[in-house]
């Protein structure tokens, strides 16, 4: 089953974050390090130091929600840190990233299929 996330804006936070942080901690990162409003329905993507996990924070009209994805045998290729801490994604780039493609150079990541018994 594929999760479809759509939003008016999609922002990727360039720096890795401590994945013990949950909704409040990730929201504080956006509030303290950017000028972006949190309650607009925008998606905010974060990764961990190992680059094998993604968390997506968003406001769904009734409260904040947090989505989490872990890759078993691959790593996300994340944009490098520059002056601005935020990288803007298109809906297509988000779909590609969540489907196992990088958003840098648009090359497929090698993902080994796992068999569940």
PDB file of N, CA and C in Angstrom:
ATOM      1  N   UNK A   1       0.849  -1.176   0.000  1.00  0.00           N
ATOM      2  CA  UNK A   1       0.000   0.000   0.000  1.00  0.00           C
ATOM      3  C   UNK A   1       0.887   1.229   0.000  1.00  0.00           C
ATOM      4  N   UNK A   2       0.624   2.135  -0.905  1.00  0.00           N
ATOM      5  CA  UNK A   2       1.419   3.352  -1.010  1.00  0.00           C
ATOM      6  C   UNK A   2       0.670   4.506  -0.349  1.00  0.00           C
ATOM      7  N   UNK A   3       1.361   5.208   0.520  1.00  0.00           N
ATOM      8  CA  UNK A   3       0.784   6.378   1.177  1.00  0.00           C
ATOM      9  C   UNK A   3       0.923   7.572   0.261  1.00  0.00           C
ATOM     10  N   UNK A   4      -0.144   8.266   0.031  1.00  0.00           N
ATOM     11  CA  UNK A   4      -0.103   9.460  -0.802  1.00  0.00           C
ATOM     12  C   UNK A   4      -0.168  10.681   0.100  1.00  0.00           C
ATOM     13  N   UNK A   5       0.913  11.423   0.141  1.00  0.00           N
ATOM     14  CA  UNK A   5       0.955  12.670   0.897  1.00  0.00           C
ATOM     15  C   UNK A   5       0.943  13.812  -0.099  1.00  0.00           C
ATOM     16  N   UNK A   6       0.007  14.705   0.052  1.00  0.00           N
ATOM     17  CA  UNK A   6      -0.028  15.885  -0.800  1.00  0.00           C
ATOM     18  C   UNK A   6      -0.118  17.102   0.102  1.00  0.00           C
ATOM     19  N   UNK A   7       0.457  18.189  -0.384  1.00  0.00           N
ATOM     20  CA  UNK A   7       0.470  19.413   0.411  1.00  0.00           C
ATOM     21  C   UNK A   7       0.686  20.601  -0.505  1.00  0.00           C
ATOM     22  N   UNK A   8       0.282  21.790  -0.023  1.00  0.00           N
ATOM     23  CA  UNK A   8       0.522  22.986  -0.833  1.00  0.00           C
ATOM     24  C   UNK A   8       2.011  23.277  -0.995  1.00  0.00           C
ATOM     25  N   UNK A   9       2.807  22.955   0.021  1.00  0.00           N
ATOM     26  CA  UNK A   9       4.253  23.169  -0.017  1.00  0.00           C
ATOM     27  C   UNK A   9       4.937  21.993   0.668  1.00  0.00           C
ATOM     28  N   UNK A  10       6.140  21.666   0.171  1.00  0.00           N
ATOM     29  CA  UNK A  10       6.903  20.556   0.725  1.00  0.00           C
ATOM     30  C   UNK A  10       8.321  21.050   0.973  1.00  0.00           C
ATOM     31  N   UNK A  11       8.746  20.959   2.230  1.00  0.00           N
ATOM     32  CA  UNK A  11      10.062  21.464   2.621  1.00  0.00           C
ATOM     33  C   UNK A  11      10.905  20.350   3.218  1.00  0.00           C
ATOM     34  N   UNK A  12      12.137  20.263   2.785  1.00  0.00           N
ATOM     35  CA  UNK A  12      13.086  19.296   3.307  1.00  0.00           C
ATOM     36  C   UNK A  12      14.095  20.049   4.149  1.00  0.00           C
ATOM     37  N   UNK A  13      14.235  19.659   5.398  1.00  0.00           N
ATOM     38  CA  UNK A  13      15.205  20.278   6.294  1.00  0.00           C
ATOM     39  C   UNK A  13      16.551  19.624   6.026  1.00  0.00           C
ATOM     40  N   UNK A  14      17.549  20.406   5.613  1.00  0.00           N
ATOM     41  CA  UNK A  14      18.831  19.878   5.131  1.00  0.00           C
ATOM     42  C   UNK A  14      19.678  19.189   6.203  1.00  0.00           C
ATOM     43  N   UNK A  15      19.665  19.681   7.422  1.00  0.00           N
ATOM     44  CA  UNK A  15      20.518  19.118   8.477  1.00  0.00           C
ATOM     45  C   UNK A  15      19.893  17.852   9.050  1.00  0.00           C
ATOM     46  N   UNK A  16      20.736  16.919   9.468  1.00  0.00           N
ATOM     47  CA  UNK A  16      20.200  15.736  10.130  1.00  0.00           C
ATOM     48  C   UNK A  16      19.719  16.144  11.528  1.00  0.00           C
ATOM     49  N   UNK A  17      18.731  15.412  12.012  1.00  0.00           N
ATOM     50  CA  UNK A  17      18.169  15.716  13.331  1.00  0.00           C
ATOM     51  C   UNK A  17      18.191  14.470  14.202  1.00  0.00           C
ATOM     52  N   UNK A  18      18.131  14.691  15.484  1.00  0.00           N
ATOM     53  CA  UNK A  18      18.047  13.616  16.464  1.00  0.00           C
ATOM     54  C   UNK A  18      16.652  12.994  16.337  1.00  0.00           C
ATOM     55  N   UNK A  19      16.589  11.723  15.961  1.00  0.00           N
ATOM     56  CA  UNK A  19      15.295  11.098  15.720  1.00  0.00           C
ATOM     57  C   UNK A  19      14.560  10.691  16.990  1.00  0.00           C
ATOM     58  N   UNK A  20      15.095  11.031  18.147  1.00  0.00           N
ATOM     59  CA  UNK A  20      14.316  10.887  19.371  1.00  0.00           C
ATOM     60  C   UNK A  20      13.290  12.012  19.454  1.00  0.00           C
ATOM     61  N   UNK A  21      13.500  13.070  18.652  1.00  0.00           N
ATOM     62  CA  UNK A  21      12.539  14.183  18.637  1.00  0.00           C
ATOM     63  C   UNK A  21      11.247  13.718  17.986  1.00  0.00           C
ATOM     64  N   UNK A  22      10.165  14.189  18.545  1.00  0.00           N
ATOM     65  CA  UNK A  22       8.864  13.884  17.986  1.00  0.00           C
ATOM     66  C   UNK A  22       8.229  15.183  17.497  1.00  0.00           C
ATOM     67  N   UNK A  23       6.935  15.268  17.548  1.00  0.00           N
ATOM     68  CA  UNK A  23       6.218  16.410  16.976  1.00  0.00           C
ATOM     69  C   UNK A  23       6.703  17.742  17.542  1.00  0.00           C
ATOM     70  N   UNK A  24       6.726  17.895  18.855  1.00  0.00           N
ATOM     71  CA  UNK A  24       7.107  19.179  19.444  1.00  0.00           C
ATOM     72  C   UNK A  24       8.540  19.563  19.127  1.00  0.00           C
ATOM     73  N   UNK A  25       9.455  18.610  19.199  1.00  0.00           N
ATOM     74  CA  UNK A  25      10.857  18.888  18.923  1.00  0.00           C
ATOM     75  C   UNK A  25      11.103  19.264  17.473  1.00  0.00           C
ATOM     76  N   UNK A  26      10.447  18.567  16.546  1.00  0.00           N
ATOM     77  CA  UNK A  26      10.610  18.884  15.129  1.00  0.00           C
ATOM     78  C   UNK A  26       9.947  20.222  14.784  1.00  0.00           C
ATOM     79  N   UNK A  27       8.795  20.490  15.384  1.00  0.00           N
ATOM     80  CA  UNK A  27       8.137  21.784  15.167  1.00  0.00           C
ATOM     81  C   UNK A  27       9.019  22.920  15.676  1.00  0.00           C
ATOM     82  N   UNK A  28       9.685  22.713  16.798  1.00  0.00           N
ATOM     83  CA  UNK A  28      10.584  23.737  17.345  1.00  0.00           C
ATOM     84  C   UNK A  28      11.756  24.006  16.406  1.00  0.00           C
ATOM     85  N   UNK A  29      12.261  22.981  15.738  1.00  0.00           N
ATOM     86  CA  UNK A  29      13.343  23.177  14.772  1.00  0.00           C
ATOM     87  C   UNK A  29      12.882  24.116  13.662  1.00  0.00           C
ATOM     88  N   UNK A  30      11.706  23.888  13.144  1.00  0.00           N
ATOM     89  CA  UNK A  30      11.184  24.747  12.057  1.00  0.00           C
ATOM     90  C   UNK A  30      10.944  26.155  12.579  1.00  0.00           C
ATOM     91  N   UNK A  31      10.326  26.283  13.737  1.00  0.00           N
ATOM     92  CA  UNK A  31      10.058  27.602  14.302  1.00  0.00           C
ATOM     93  C   UNK A  31      11.332  28.383  14.585  1.00  0.00           C
ATOM     94  N   UNK A  32      12.371  27.722  15.091  1.00  0.00           N
ATOM     95  CA  UNK A  32      13.599  28.406  15.487  1.00  0.00           C
ATOM     96  C   UNK A  32      14.583  28.649  14.352  1.00  0.00           C
ATOM     97  N   UNK A  33      14.544  27.826  13.307  1.00  0.00           N
ATOM     98  CA  UNK A  33      15.564  27.904  12.265  1.00  0.00           C
ATOM     99  C   UNK A  33      15.065  28.389  10.913  1.00  0.00           C
ATOM    100  N   UNK A  34      13.775  28.629  10.788  1.00  0.00           N
ATOM    101  CA  UNK A  34      13.225  29.093   9.507  1.00  0.00           C
ATOM    102  C   UNK A  34      12.174  30.170   9.772  1.00  0.00           C
ATOM    103  N   UNK A  35      11.719  30.763   8.711  1.00  0.00           N
ATOM    104  CA  UNK A  35      10.611  31.723   8.801  1.00  0.00           C
ATOM    105  C   UNK A  35       9.324  31.122   8.261  1.00  0.00           C
ATOM    106  N   UNK A  36       9.241  29.811   8.226  1.00  0.00           N
ATOM    107  CA  UNK A  36       8.089  29.137   7.630  1.00  0.00           C
ATOM    108  C   UNK A  36       6.990  28.908   8.655  1.00  0.00           C
ATOM    109  N   UNK A  37       5.734  29.140   8.271  1.00  0.00           N
ATOM    110  CA  UNK A  37       4.623  28.865   9.180  1.00  0.00           C
ATOM    111  C   UNK A  37       4.322  27.375   9.224  1.00  0.00           C
ATOM    112  N   UNK A  38       4.044  26.858  10.402  1.00  0.00           N
ATOM    113  CA  UNK A  38       3.809  25.424  10.575  1.00  0.00           C
ATOM    114  C   UNK A  38       2.382  24.975  10.248  1.00  0.00           C
ATOM    115  N   UNK A  39       1.402  25.808  10.463  1.00  0.00           N
ATOM    116  CA  UNK A  39       0.010  25.384  10.379  1.00  0.00           C
ATOM    117  C   UNK A  39      -0.660  25.559   9.040  1.00  0.00           C
ATOM    118  N   UNK A  40       0.089  25.494   7.950  1.00  0.00           N
ATOM    119  CA  UNK A  40      -0.488  25.735   6.625  1.00  0.00           C
ATOM    120  C   UNK A  40      -0.826  24.464   5.868  1.00  0.00           C
ATOM    121  N   UNK A  41      -0.486  23.308   6.422  1.00  0.00           N
ATOM    122  CA  UNK A  41      -0.665  22.053   5.702  1.00  0.00           C
ATOM    123  C   UNK A  41       0.579  21.638   4.941  1.00  0.00           C
ATOM    124  N   UNK A  42       1.639  22.426   5.039  1.00  0.00           N
ATOM    125  CA  UNK A  42       2.896  22.078   4.372  1.00  0.00           C
ATOM    126  C   UNK A  42       3.501  20.844   5.029  1.00  0.00           C
ATOM    127  N   UNK A  43       4.264  20.089   4.248  1.00  0.00           N
ATOM    128  CA  UNK A  43       5.003  18.941   4.765  1.00  0.00           C
ATOM    129  C   UNK A  43       6.424  19.376   5.068  1.00  0.00           C
ATOM    130  N   UNK A  44       6.962  18.910   6.192  1.00  0.00           N
ATOM    131  CA  UNK A  44       8.342  19.198   6.588  1.00  0.00           C
ATOM    132  C   UNK A  44       9.059  17.859   6.745  1.00  0.00           C
ATOM    133  N   UNK A  45      10.064  17.619   5.905  1.00  0.00           N
ATOM    134  CA  UNK A  45      10.809  16.363   5.925  1.00  0.00           C
ATOM    135  C   UNK A  45      12.105  16.511   6.699  1.00  0.00           C
ATOM    136  N   UNK A  46      12.425  15.469   7.472  1.00  0.00           N
ATOM    137  CA  UNK A  46      13.642  15.429   8.267  1.00  0.00           C
ATOM    138  C   UNK A  46      14.298  14.069   8.068  1.00  0.00           C
ATOM    139  N   UNK A  47      15.619  14.005   8.218  1.00  0.00           N
ATOM    140  CA  UNK A  47      16.317  12.733   8.193  1.00  0.00           C
ATOM    141  C   UNK A  47      17.240  12.620   9.399  1.00  0.00           C
ATOM    142  N   UNK A  48      17.674  11.404   9.669  1.00  0.00           N
ATOM    143  CA  UNK A  48      18.601  11.151  10.771  1.00  0.00           C
ATOM    144  C   UNK A  48      20.038  11.179  10.251  1.00  0.00           C
ATOM    145  N   UNK A  49      20.996  11.056  11.156  1.00  0.00           N
ATOM    146  CA  UNK A  49      22.418  11.123  10.794  1.00  0.00           C
ATOM    147  C   UNK A  49      22.820  10.009   9.831  1.00  0.00           C
ATOM    148  N   UNK A  50      22.246   8.834   9.980  1.00  0.00           N
ATOM    149  CA  UNK A  50      22.576   7.709   9.112  1.00  0.00           C
ATOM    150  C   UNK A  50      21.899   7.799   7.740  1.00  0.00           C
ATOM    151  N   UNK A  51      20.955   8.705   7.596  1.00  0.00           N
ATOM    152  CA  UNK A  51      20.214   8.931   6.352  1.00  0.00           C
ATOM    153  C   UNK A  51      19.411   7.706   5.893  1.00  0.00           C
ATOM    154  N   UNK A  52      18.944   6.910   6.847  1.00  0.00           N
ATOM    155  CA  UNK A  52      18.132   5.758   6.472  1.00  0.00           C
ATOM    156  C   UNK A  52      16.682   5.883   6.956  1.00  0.00           C
ATOM    157  N   UNK A  53      16.363   7.027   7.545  1.00  0.00           N
ATOM    158  CA  UNK A  53      15.005   7.271   8.040  1.00  0.00           C
ATOM    159  C   UNK A  53      14.539   8.665   7.627  1.00  0.00           C
ATOM    160  N   UNK A  54      13.231   8.779   7.460  1.00  0.00           N
ATOM    161  CA  UNK A  54      12.601  10.076   7.180  1.00  0.00           C
ATOM    162  C   UNK A  54      11.419  10.228   8.132  1.00  0.00           C
ATOM    163  N   UNK A  55      11.271  11.430   8.665  1.00  0.00           N
ATOM    164  CA  UNK A  55      10.050  11.803   9.374  1.00  0.00           C
ATOM    165  C   UNK A  55       9.441  12.977   8.612  1.00  0.00           C
ATOM    166  N   UNK A  56       8.122  12.955   8.501  1.00  0.00           N
ATOM    167  CA  UNK A  56       7.395  14.036   7.836  1.00  0.00           C
ATOM    168  C   UNK A  56       6.389  14.599   8.832  1.00  0.00           C
ATOM    169  N   UNK A  57       6.540  15.866   9.130  1.00  0.00           N
ATOM    170  CA  UNK A  57       5.654  16.572  10.050  1.00  0.00           C
ATOM    171  C   UNK A  57       4.683  17.419   9.237  1.00  0.00           C
ATOM    172  N   UNK A  58       3.412  17.377   9.605  1.00  0.00           N
ATOM    173  CA  UNK A  58       2.423  18.217   8.912  1.00  0.00           C
ATOM    174  C   UNK A  58       1.212  18.480   9.797  1.00  0.00           C
ATOM    175  N   UNK A  59       0.516  19.542   9.461  1.00  0.00           N
ATOM    176  CA  UNK A  59      -0.711  19.947  10.141  1.00  0.00           C
ATOM    177  C   UNK A  59      -1.871  19.443   9.295  1.00  0.00           C
ATOM    178  N   UNK A  60      -2.794  18.684   9.875  1.00  0.00           N
ATOM    179  CA  UNK A  60      -3.901  18.130   9.091  1.00  0.00           C
ATOM    180  C   UNK A  60      -5.256  18.736   9.445  1.00  0.00           C
ATOM    181  N   UNK A  61      -5.297  19.966   9.813  1.00  0.00           N
ATOM    182  CA  UNK A  61      -6.503  20.755  10.146  1.00  0.00           C
ATOM    183  C   UNK A  61      -7.028  20.503  11.550  1.00  0.00           C
ATOM    184  N   UNK A  62      -6.643  19.411  12.182  1.00  0.00           N
ATOM    185  CA  UNK A  62      -7.100  19.151  13.547  1.00  0.00           C
ATOM    186  C   UNK A  62      -5.938  19.035  14.522  1.00  0.00           C
ATOM    187  N   UNK A  63      -4.729  18.966  13.999  1.00  0.00           N
ATOM    188  CA  UNK A  63      -3.548  18.832  14.837  1.00  0.00           C
ATOM    189  C   UNK A  63      -2.365  18.391  14.002  1.00  0.00           C
ATOM    190  N   UNK A  64      -1.227  18.295  14.647  1.00  0.00           N
ATOM    191  CA  UNK A  64      -0.032  17.851  13.945  1.00  0.00           C
ATOM    192  C   UNK A  64      -0.028  16.334  13.814  1.00  0.00           C
ATOM    193  N   UNK A  65       0.523  15.869  12.718  1.00  0.00           N
ATOM    194  CA  UNK A  65       0.694  14.438  12.479  1.00  0.00           C
ATOM    195  C   UNK A  65       2.147  14.196  12.093  1.00  0.00           C
ATOM    196  N   UNK A  66       2.619  13.003  12.352  1.00  0.00           N
ATOM    197  CA  UNK A  66       3.998  12.654  12.056  1.00  0.00           C
ATOM    198  C   UNK A  66       4.016  11.314  11.348  1.00  0.00           C
ATOM    199  N   UNK A  67       4.657  11.286  10.195  1.00  0.00           N
ATOM    200  CA  UNK A  67       4.798  10.075   9.396  1.00  0.00           C
ATOM    201  C   UNK A  67       6.260   9.669   9.418  1.00  0.00           C
ATOM    202  N   UNK A  68       6.553   8.377   9.468  1.00  0.00           N
ATOM    203  CA  UNK A  68       7.913   7.874   9.649  1.00  0.00           C
ATOM    204  C   UNK A  68       8.161   6.753   8.637  1.00  0.00           C
ATOM    205  N   UNK A  69       9.321   6.795   7.970  1.00  0.00           N
ATOM    206  CA  UNK A  69       9.710   5.716   7.064  1.00  0.00           C
ATOM    207  C   UNK A  69      11.161   5.355   7.335  1.00  0.00           C
ATOM    208  N   UNK A  70      11.440   4.034   7.390  1.00  0.00           N
ATOM    209  CA  UNK A  70      12.793   3.531   7.582  1.00  0.00           C
ATOM    210  C   UNK A  70      13.147   2.632   6.404  1.00  0.00           C
ATOM    211  N   UNK A  71      14.312   2.880   5.805  1.00  0.00           N
ATOM    212  CA  UNK A  71      14.815   2.005   4.750  1.00  0.00           C
ATOM    213  C   UNK A  71      15.612   0.879   5.397  1.00  0.00           C
ATOM    214  N   UNK A  72      15.456  -0.318   4.914  1.00  0.00           N
ATOM    215  CA  UNK A  72      16.146  -1.464   5.491  1.00  0.00           C
ATOM    216  C   UNK A  72      17.573  -1.617   4.963  1.00  0.00           C
ATOM    217  N   UNK A  73      17.800  -1.370   3.669  1.00  0.00           N
ATOM    218  CA  UNK A  73      19.115  -1.651   3.095  1.00  0.00           C
ATOM    219  C   UNK A  73      19.576  -0.551   2.159  1.00  0.00           C
ATOM    220  N   UNK A  74      19.200   0.650   2.402  1.00  0.00           N
ATOM    221  CA  UNK A  74      19.607   1.765   1.541  1.00  0.00           C
ATOM    222  C   UNK A  74      19.673   3.028   2.389  1.00  0.00           C
ATOM    223  N   UNK A  75      20.167   4.087   1.787  1.00  0.00           N
ATOM    224  CA  UNK A  75      20.239   5.386   2.451  1.00  0.00           C
ATOM    225  C   UNK A  75      19.670   6.443   1.512  1.00  0.00           C
ATOM    226  N   UNK A  76      19.046   7.445   2.111  1.00  0.00           N
ATOM    227  CA  UNK A  76      18.560   8.573   1.325  1.00  0.00           C
ATOM    228  C   UNK A  76      19.731   9.479   0.971  1.00  0.00           C
ATOM    229  N   UNK A  77      19.739   9.956  -0.245  1.00  0.00           N
ATOM    230  CA  UNK A  77      20.736  10.944  -0.646  1.00  0.00           C
ATOM    231  C   UNK A  77      20.089  12.301  -0.398  1.00  0.00           C
ATOM    232  N   UNK A  78      20.639  13.037   0.548  1.00  0.00           N
ATOM    233  CA  UNK A  78      20.034  14.266   1.049  1.00  0.00           C
ATOM    234  C   UNK A  78      20.800  15.467   0.517  1.00  0.00           C
ATOM    235  N   UNK A  79      20.133  16.554   0.180  1.00  0.00           N
ATOM    236  CA  UNK A  79      20.850  17.761  -0.267  1.00  0.00           C
ATOM    237  C   UNK A  79      21.794  18.274   0.812  1.00  0.00           C
ATOM    238  N   UNK A  80      22.948  18.740   0.410  1.00  0.00           N
ATOM    239  CA  UNK A  80      23.931  19.237   1.373  1.00  0.00           C
ATOM    240  C   UNK A  80      23.459  20.533   2.019  1.00  0.00           C
ATOM    241  N   UNK A  81      24.018  20.789   3.193  1.00  0.00           N
ATOM    242  CA  UNK A  81      23.684  22.004   3.929  1.00  0.00           C
ATOM    243  C   UNK A  81      24.284  23.215   3.212  1.00  0.00           C
ATOM    244  N   UNK A  82      23.470  24.203   3.011  1.00  0.00           N
ATOM    245  CA  UNK A  82      23.916  25.462   2.421  1.00  0.00           C
ATOM    246  C   UNK A  82      23.514  26.592   3.350  1.00  0.00           C
ATOM    247  N   UNK A  83      23.490  27.807   2.844  1.00  0.00           N
ATOM    248  CA  UNK A  83      23.103  28.948   3.687  1.00  0.00           C
ATOM    249  C   UNK A  83      21.699  28.774   4.244  1.00  0.00           C
ATOM    250  N   UNK A  84      20.785  28.363   3.398  1.00  0.00           N
ATOM    251  CA  UNK A  84      19.404  28.175   3.836  1.00  0.00           C
ATOM    252  C   UNK A  84      19.215  26.744   4.328  1.00  0.00           C
ATOM    253  N   UNK A  85      18.543  26.563   5.474  1.00  0.00           N
ATOM    254  CA  UNK A  85      18.376  25.209   6.016  1.00  0.00           C
ATOM    255  C   UNK A  85      17.284  24.394   5.318  1.00  0.00           C
ATOM    256  N   UNK A  86      16.530  25.024   4.419  1.00  0.00           N
ATOM    257  CA  UNK A  86      15.375  24.368   3.799  1.00  0.00           C
ATOM    258  C   UNK A  86      15.583  24.189   2.298  1.00  0.00           C
ATOM    259  N   UNK A  87      15.168  23.042   1.803  1.00  0.00           N
ATOM    260  CA  UNK A  87      15.187  22.710   0.380  1.00  0.00           C
ATOM    261  C   UNK A  87      13.739  22.462  -0.003  1.00  0.00           C
ATOM    262  N   UNK A  88      13.239  23.110  -1.039  1.00  0.00           N
ATOM    263  CA  UNK A  88      11.846  22.958  -1.452  1.00  0.00           C
ATOM    264  C   UNK A  88      11.725  21.814  -2.452  1.00  0.00           C
ATOM    265  N   UNK A  89      10.723  20.972  -2.249  1.00  0.00           N
ATOM    266  CA  UNK A  89      10.472  19.840  -3.135  1.00  0.00           C
ATOM    267  C   UNK A  89       9.167  20.023  -3.874  1.00  0.00           C
ATOM    268  N   UNK A  90       9.083  19.450  -5.053  1.00  0.00           N
ATOM    269  CA  UNK A  90       7.816  19.360  -5.775  1.00  0.00           C
ATOM    270  C   UNK A  90       7.106  18.081  -5.328  1.00  0.00           C
ATOM    271  N   UNK A  91       5.835  17.965  -5.662  1.00  0.00           N
ATOM    272  CA  UNK A  91       5.090  16.745  -5.338  1.00  0.00           C
ATOM    273  C   UNK A  91       5.746  15.539  -6.016  1.00  0.00           C
ATOM    274  N   UNK A  92       6.182  15.715  -7.245  1.00  0.00           N
ATOM    275  CA  UNK A  92       6.853  14.642  -7.977  1.00  0.00           C
ATOM    276  C   UNK A  92       8.129  14.189  -7.256  1.00  0.00           C
ATOM    277  N   UNK A  93       8.934  15.142  -6.800  1.00  0.00           N
ATOM    278  CA  UNK A  93      10.172  14.803  -6.089  1.00  0.00           C
ATOM    279  C   UNK A  93       9.878  14.063  -4.780  1.00  0.00           C
ATOM    280  N   UNK A  94       8.834  14.482  -4.063  1.00  0.00           N
ATOM    281  CA  UNK A  94       8.448  13.773  -2.845  1.00  0.00           C
ATOM    282  C   UNK A  94       8.043  12.343  -3.165  1.00  0.00           C
ATOM    283  N   UNK A  95       7.227  12.167  -4.185  1.00  0.00           N
ATOM    284  CA  UNK A  95       6.798  10.827  -4.582  1.00  0.00           C
ATOM    285  C   UNK A  95       7.994   9.969  -4.964  1.00  0.00           C
ATOM    286  N   UNK A  96       8.945  10.550  -5.684  1.00  0.00           N
ATOM    287  CA  UNK A  96      10.149   9.825  -6.084  1.00  0.00           C
ATOM    288  C   UNK A  96      10.969   9.427  -4.858  1.00  0.00           C
ATOM    289  N   UNK A  97      11.154  10.346  -3.950  1.00  0.00           N
ATOM    290  CA  UNK A  97      11.932  10.076  -2.740  1.00  0.00           C
ATOM    291  C   UNK A  97      11.307   8.939  -1.934  1.00  0.00           C
ATOM    292  N   UNK A  98      10.005   8.983  -1.734  1.00  0.00           N
ATOM    293  CA  UNK A  98       9.318   7.961  -0.954  1.00  0.00           C
ATOM    294  C   UNK A  98       9.238   6.620  -1.686  1.00  0.00           C
ATOM    295  N   UNK A  99       9.426   6.639  -3.011  1.00  0.00           N
ATOM    296  CA  UNK A  99       9.401   5.409  -3.816  1.00  0.00           C
ATOM    297  C   UNK A  99      10.777   4.792  -4.011  1.00  0.00           C
ATOM    298  N   UNK A 100      11.812   5.399  -3.436  1.00  0.00           N
ATOM    299  CA  UNK A 100      13.129   4.809  -3.519  1.00  0.00           C
ATOM    300  C   UNK A 100      14.066   5.454  -4.509  1.00  0.00           C
ATOM    301  N   UNK A 101      13.748   6.640  -4.970  1.00  0.00           N
ATOM    302  CA  UNK A 101      14.627   7.366  -5.873  1.00  0.00           C
ATOM    303  C   UNK A 101      15.255   8.533  -5.132  1.00  0.00           C
ATOM    304  N   UNK A 102      16.439   8.926  -5.560  1.00  0.00           N
ATOM    305  CA  UNK A 102      17.030  10.119  -4.974  1.00  0.00           C
ATOM    306  C   UNK A 102      16.377  11.339  -5.606  1.00  0.00           C
ATOM    307  N   UNK A 103      16.503  12.467  -4.965  1.00  0.00           N
ATOM    308  CA  UNK A 103      16.009  13.716  -5.541  1.00  0.00           C
ATOM    309  C   UNK A 103      17.167  14.534  -6.082  1.00  0.00           C
ATOM    310  N   UNK A 104      18.364  13.961  -5.981  1.00  0.00           N
ATOM    311  CA  UNK A 104      19.556  14.602  -6.519  1.00  0.00           C
ATOM    312  C   UNK A 104      20.031  13.735  -7.672  1.00  0.00           C
ATOM    313  N   UNK A 105      19.923  14.225  -8.883  1.00  0.00           N
ATOM    314  CA  UNK A 105      20.344  13.453 -10.031  1.00  0.00           C
ATOM    315  C   UNK A 105      19.316  12.438 -10.498  1.00  0.00           C
ATOM    316  N   UNK A 106      18.253  12.248  -9.747  1.00  0.00           N
ATOM    317  CA  UNK A 106      17.153  11.356 -10.116  1.00  0.00           C
ATOM    318  C   UNK A 106      17.613   9.948 -10.472  1.00  0.00           C
ATOM    319  N   UNK A 107      18.556   9.396  -9.700  1.00  0.00           N
ATOM    320  CA  UNK A 107      19.013   8.030  -9.901  1.00  0.00           C
ATOM    321  C   UNK A 107      18.296   7.118  -8.918  1.00  0.00           C
ATOM    322  N   UNK A 108      17.986   5.928  -9.388  1.00  0.00           N
ATOM    323  CA  UNK A 108      17.309   4.967  -8.504  1.00  0.00           C
ATOM    324  C   UNK A 108      18.269   4.466  -7.443  1.00  0.00           C
ATOM    325  N   UNK A 109      17.767   4.355  -6.216  1.00  0.00           N
ATOM    326  CA  UNK A 109      18.546   3.735  -5.151  1.00  0.00           C
ATOM    327  C   UNK A 109      18.352   2.236  -5.276  1.00  0.00           C
ATOM    328  N   UNK A 110      19.377   1.458  -4.977  1.00  0.00           N
ATOM    329  CA  UNK A 110      19.242   0.011  -4.981  1.00  0.00           C
ATOM    330  C   UNK A 110      18.576  -0.403  -3.694  1.00  0.00           C
ATOM    331  N   UNK A 111      17.403  -0.989  -3.814  1.00  0.00           N
ATOM    332  CA  UNK A 111      16.665  -1.430  -2.647  1.00  0.00           C
ATOM    333  C   UNK A 111      16.448  -2.933  -2.768  1.00  0.00           C
ATOM    334  N   UNK A 112      16.938  -3.675  -1.793  1.00  0.00           N
ATOM    335  CA  UNK A 112      16.766  -5.134  -1.788  1.00  0.00           C
ATOM    336  C   UNK A 112      15.397  -5.455  -1.224  1.00  0.00           C
ATOM    337  N   UNK A 113      14.663  -6.269  -1.940  1.00  0.00           N
ATOM    338  CA  UNK A 113      13.337  -6.659  -1.472  1.00  0.00           C
ATOM    339  C   UNK A 113      13.479  -7.625  -0.303  1.00  0.00           C
ATOM    340  N   UNK A 114      12.691  -7.398   0.708  1.00  0.00           N
ATOM    341  CA  UNK A 114      12.691  -8.271   1.871  1.00  0.00           C
ATOM    342  C   UNK A 114      11.529  -9.245   1.753  1.00  0.00           C
ATOM    343  N   UNK A 115      11.741 -10.444   2.191  1.00  0.00           N
ATOM    344  CA  UNK A 115      10.639 -11.393   2.229  1.00  0.00           C
ATOM    345  C   UNK A 115      10.194 -11.535   3.670  1.00  0.00           C
ATOM    346  N   UNK A 116       8.942 -11.441   3.876  1.00  0.00           N
ATOM    347  CA  UNK A 116       8.375 -11.561   5.220  1.00  0.00           C
ATOM    348  C   UNK A 116       7.820 -12.966   5.378  1.00  0.00           C
ATOM    349  N   UNK A 117       8.193 -13.619   6.446  1.00  0.00           N
ATOM    350  CA  UNK A 117       7.677 -14.957   6.680  1.00  0.00           C
ATOM    351  C   UNK A 117       6.818 -14.988   7.899  1.00  0.00           C
TER     352      UNK A 117
END
